[in-house]
Amino acid sequence: MKKTVQRILLTFIVSSLFLTACNSRTNEENTSNEKNLTIHSSKQEVTADESNNGDSQDSTRDNEGLDGMEDIRIKLTFNNGEVIVNMYDNPTSKDFLSLLPLTLTFEDYAGTEKISYPSNKLSTKEAPSGMDPTIGDFTYFAPWGNLAIFYKDFGYSNGLIKLGKIESGKENFENVHGDFTVHIEKVD
């Protein structure tokens, strides 16, 4: 009986050592694969960083990855004043431009922005999940279907899409009180 117990224990010990050795080998392979993946990812990041040389200050952080459409500007005329907006190149902006000319009534919202509701909802194709608007941003708030022109800073908003940026006249919005009518048209 003693020999049987010894054989069972010996078999158990040898099996345990064998399984431990196999497991150790598998862990080494996994660690090696993770290192290779990390090195590969790092090389891709370096390659991406090298392709974005320091010459370009228009990063996606500056304008949410949107480039201005070449010479596409709109003019908003109201109360004997005007505002010029440089439009961005995205599907929502293009959809908005297709509606022009427009005459809309704007109102103040939260002492931060002027808003209006165009009759048609705009495309949100390829739109970001949201953005953090700054003074002078001309935007579309998809959940409500309204345009919003920011004259004060505001925090990140889900569903907010940048259509363009005011080039001139942004101070005119802050000083308008109550509802006001705005005529919007493309500038030649």
Protein backbone atom coordinates (compact mmCIF):
# COMPACT_ATOMS: atom_id res chain seq x y z
CA MET A 1 0.00 0.00 0.00
CA LYS A 2 2.84 2.34 0.86
CA LYS A 3 4.37 1.84 -2.61
CA THR A 4 1.02 2.63 -4.28
CA VAL A 5 0.70 5.89 -2.38
CA GLN A 6 4.29 6.77 -3.28
CA ARG A 7 3.62 6.06 -6.96
CA ILE A 8 0.48 8.19 -6.93
CA LEU A 9 2.32 11.04 -5.23
CA LEU A 10 5.25 10.73 -7.62
CA THR A 11 2.87 10.73 -10.60
CA PHE A 12 1.09 13.76 -9.18
CA ILE A 13 4.37 15.66 -8.61
CA VAL A 14 5.71 14.83 -12.09
CA SER A 15 2.38 15.84 -13.69
CA SER A 16 2.34 19.09 -11.72
CA LEU A 17 5.89 19.92 -12.77
CA PHE A 18 5.06 19.12 -16.38
CA LEU A 19 1.92 21.30 -16.35
CA THR A 20 3.76 24.11 -14.58
CA ALA A 21 6.50 24.03 -17.21
CA CYS A 22 3.91 24.09 -20.04
CA ASN A 23 2.05 26.94 -18.41
CA SER A 24 5.28 28.88 -17.94
CA ARG A 25 6.08 28.43 -21.64
CA THR A 26 2.60 29.70 -22.61
CA ASN A 27 3.01 32.77 -20.36
CA GLU A 28 6.39 33.53 -21.93
CA GLU A 29 4.84 33.33 -25.40
CA ASN A 30 1.95 35.60 -24.37
CA THR A 31 4.34 38.11 -22.80
CA SER A 32 6.48 38.03 -25.92
CA ASN A 33 3.42 38.59 -28.15
CA GLU A 34 2.27 41.51 -25.95
CA LYS A 35 5.73 43.09 -26.20
CA ASN A 36 5.69 42.72 -29.99
CA LEU A 37 2.21 44.24 -30.16
CA THR A 38 3.30 47.16 -27.97
CA ILE A 39 6.40 47.74 -30.10
CA HIS A 40 4.31 47.54 -33.29
CA SER A 41 1.73 50.01 -31.89
CA SER A 42 4.48 52.38 -30.77
CA LYS A 43 6.01 52.32 -34.25
CA GLN A 44 2.62 53.17 -35.76
CA GLU A 45 2.21 56.08 -33.33
CA VAL A 46 5.68 57.37 -34.17
CA THR A 47 4.95 57.03 -37.88
CA ALA A 48 1.67 58.92 -37.44
CA ASP A 49 3.44 61.62 -35.40
CA GLU A 50 6.19 61.95 -38.02
CA SER A 51 3.61 62.40 -40.78
CA ASN A 52 2.04 65.23 -38.77
CA ASN A 53 5.10 67.40 -38.67
CA GLY A 54 5.06 70.53 -36.55
CA ASP A 55 4.07 72.74 -39.50
CA SER A 56 0.37 72.07 -39.07
CA GLN A 57 -1.24 73.97 -36.22
CA ASP A 58 -4.75 72.98 -37.38
CA SER A 59 -5.05 69.86 -35.31
CA THR A 60 -8.30 68.09 -34.62
CA ARG A 61 -8.23 69.66 -31.16
CA ASP A 62 -8.29 73.13 -32.68
CA ASN A 63 -11.24 72.67 -35.03
CA GLU A 64 -12.61 69.18 -34.37
CA GLY A 65 -10.95 67.89 -37.54
CA LEU A 66 -12.93 70.25 -39.74
CA ASP A 67 -11.37 72.22 -42.54
CA GLY A 68 -12.92 75.40 -43.83
CA MET A 69 -14.49 75.05 -47.22
CA GLU A 70 -12.42 77.05 -49.63
CA ASP A 71 -14.01 80.50 -49.84
CA ILE A 72 -17.46 79.35 -48.69
CA ARG A 73 -18.81 82.03 -46.44
CA ILE A 74 -22.26 83.04 -45.37
CA LYS A 75 -23.58 86.41 -44.30
CA LEU A 76 -26.11 86.84 -41.52
CA THR A 77 -27.86 90.19 -41.74
CA PHE A 78 -29.98 91.58 -38.87
CA ASN A 79 -30.78 94.91 -37.17
CA ASN A 80 -28.58 96.89 -39.61
CA GLY A 81 -25.59 94.68 -38.75
CA GLU A 82 -23.96 91.67 -40.32
CA VAL A 83 -21.89 88.66 -39.36
CA ILE A 84 -19.64 86.72 -41.74
CA VAL A 85 -19.15 82.99 -41.09
CA ASN A 86 -16.51 80.75 -42.70
CA MET A 87 -18.22 77.39 -43.24
CA TYR A 88 -16.55 74.05 -42.44
CA ASP A 89 -16.39 71.14 -44.85
CA ASN A 90 -18.70 68.47 -43.44
CA PRO A 91 -22.02 66.89 -44.50
CA THR A 92 -24.06 68.90 -41.98
CA SER A 93 -22.63 72.22 -43.22
CA LYS A 94 -23.24 71.23 -46.84
CA ASP A 95 -26.83 70.29 -46.00
CA PHE A 96 -27.32 73.68 -44.33
CA LEU A 97 -25.83 75.52 -47.32
CA SER A 98 -28.31 73.76 -49.61
CA LEU A 99 -31.17 75.51 -47.73
CA LEU A 100 -29.87 79.04 -48.38
CA PRO A 101 -31.05 81.74 -48.63
CA LEU A 102 -33.06 81.59 -45.41
CA THR A 103 -34.78 84.03 -43.12
CA LEU A 104 -35.04 82.79 -39.53
CA THR A 105 -36.01 84.16 -36.15
CA PHE A 106 -33.30 83.80 -33.49
CA GLU A 107 -33.72 84.04 -29.72
CA ASP A 108 -31.32 84.09 -26.80
CA TYR A 109 -30.70 80.84 -24.97
CA ALA A 110 -29.09 80.67 -21.52
CA GLY A 111 -27.24 83.99 -21.96
CA THR A 112 -24.68 82.08 -24.02
CA GLU A 113 -26.00 81.49 -27.52
CA LYS A 114 -28.56 82.62 -30.06
CA ILE A 115 -30.69 79.80 -31.44
CA SER A 116 -33.15 79.22 -34.27
CA TYR A 117 -35.05 76.27 -35.67
CA PRO A 118 -34.80 75.78 -39.43
CA SER A 119 -37.82 74.04 -40.95
CA ASN A 120 -35.74 71.00 -42.00
CA LYS A 121 -33.51 68.88 -39.79
CA LEU A 122 -29.94 68.70 -41.08
CA SER A 123 -27.90 65.61 -41.90
CA THR A 124 -25.79 64.23 -39.07
CA LYS A 125 -23.85 61.88 -41.34
CA GLU A 126 -20.20 61.55 -40.24
CA ALA A 127 -20.89 63.94 -37.35
CA PRO A 128 -18.85 63.71 -34.14
CA SER A 129 -20.65 62.70 -30.96
CA GLY A 130 -20.40 66.27 -29.71
CA MET A 131 -18.09 69.23 -29.20
CA ASP A 132 -16.97 71.94 -26.80
CA PRO A 133 -18.05 75.22 -28.43
CA THR A 134 -16.15 78.49 -28.14
CA ILE A 135 -17.12 82.08 -28.81
CA GLY A 136 -17.98 82.55 -32.48
CA ASP A 137 -18.88 78.94 -33.26
CA PHE A 138 -21.79 78.50 -35.68
CA THR A 139 -23.30 75.10 -34.82
CA TYR A 140 -26.19 72.70 -35.18
CA PHE A 141 -27.64 70.96 -32.12
CA ALA A 142 -28.94 67.69 -33.60
CA PRO A 143 -31.11 66.50 -30.65
CA TRP A 144 -33.32 69.61 -30.87
CA GLY A 145 -32.76 70.41 -34.56
CA ASN A 146 -31.66 73.99 -33.93
CA LEU A 147 -28.87 76.27 -35.07
CA ALA A 148 -26.80 77.80 -32.28
CA ILE A 149 -24.38 80.71 -32.48
CA PHE A 150 -22.21 81.01 -29.39
CA TYR A 151 -21.30 84.45 -28.05
CA LYS A 152 -19.98 83.09 -24.73
CA ASP A 153 -17.97 79.99 -23.86
CA PHE A 154 -19.90 76.86 -23.03
CA GLY A 155 -19.05 73.29 -21.99
CA TYR A 156 -19.01 70.10 -24.03
CA SER A 157 -22.40 69.18 -25.53
CA ASN A 158 -23.41 65.82 -26.95
CA GLY A 159 -25.04 66.16 -30.36
CA LEU A 160 -23.50 69.56 -31.13
CA ILE A 161 -21.98 69.82 -34.63
CA LYS A 162 -19.75 72.67 -35.79
CA LEU A 163 -20.91 74.21 -39.06
CA GLY A 164 -18.52 77.14 -39.19
CA LYS A 165 -16.72 79.92 -37.35
CA ILE A 166 -17.56 83.63 -37.27
CA GLU A 167 -14.88 85.68 -39.02
CA SER A 168 -16.31 89.08 -38.26
CA GLY A 169 -19.15 90.67 -36.33
CA LYS A 170 -19.48 88.18 -33.45
CA GLU A 171 -19.89 91.05 -30.97
CA ASN A 172 -23.16 91.93 -32.72
CA PHE A 173 -24.92 88.86 -31.30
CA GLU A 174 -24.23 89.57 -27.65
CA ASN A 175 -25.83 93.00 -27.83
CA VAL A 176 -29.12 91.88 -29.44
CA HIS A 177 -31.95 91.40 -26.94
CA GLY A 178 -35.18 89.49 -27.52
CA ASP A 179 -36.16 87.71 -30.71
CA PHE A 180 -34.72 89.04 -33.95
CA THR A 181 -34.95 88.16 -37.63
CA VAL A 182 -31.84 87.11 -39.50
CA HIS A 183 -31.42 86.78 -43.25
CA ILE A 184 -28.77 84.17 -44.16
CA GLU A 185 -27.20 83.93 -47.58
CA LYS A 186 -24.00 82.76 -49.27
CA VAL A 187 -21.36 85.42 -49.86
CA ASP A 188 -19.91 85.55 -53.37
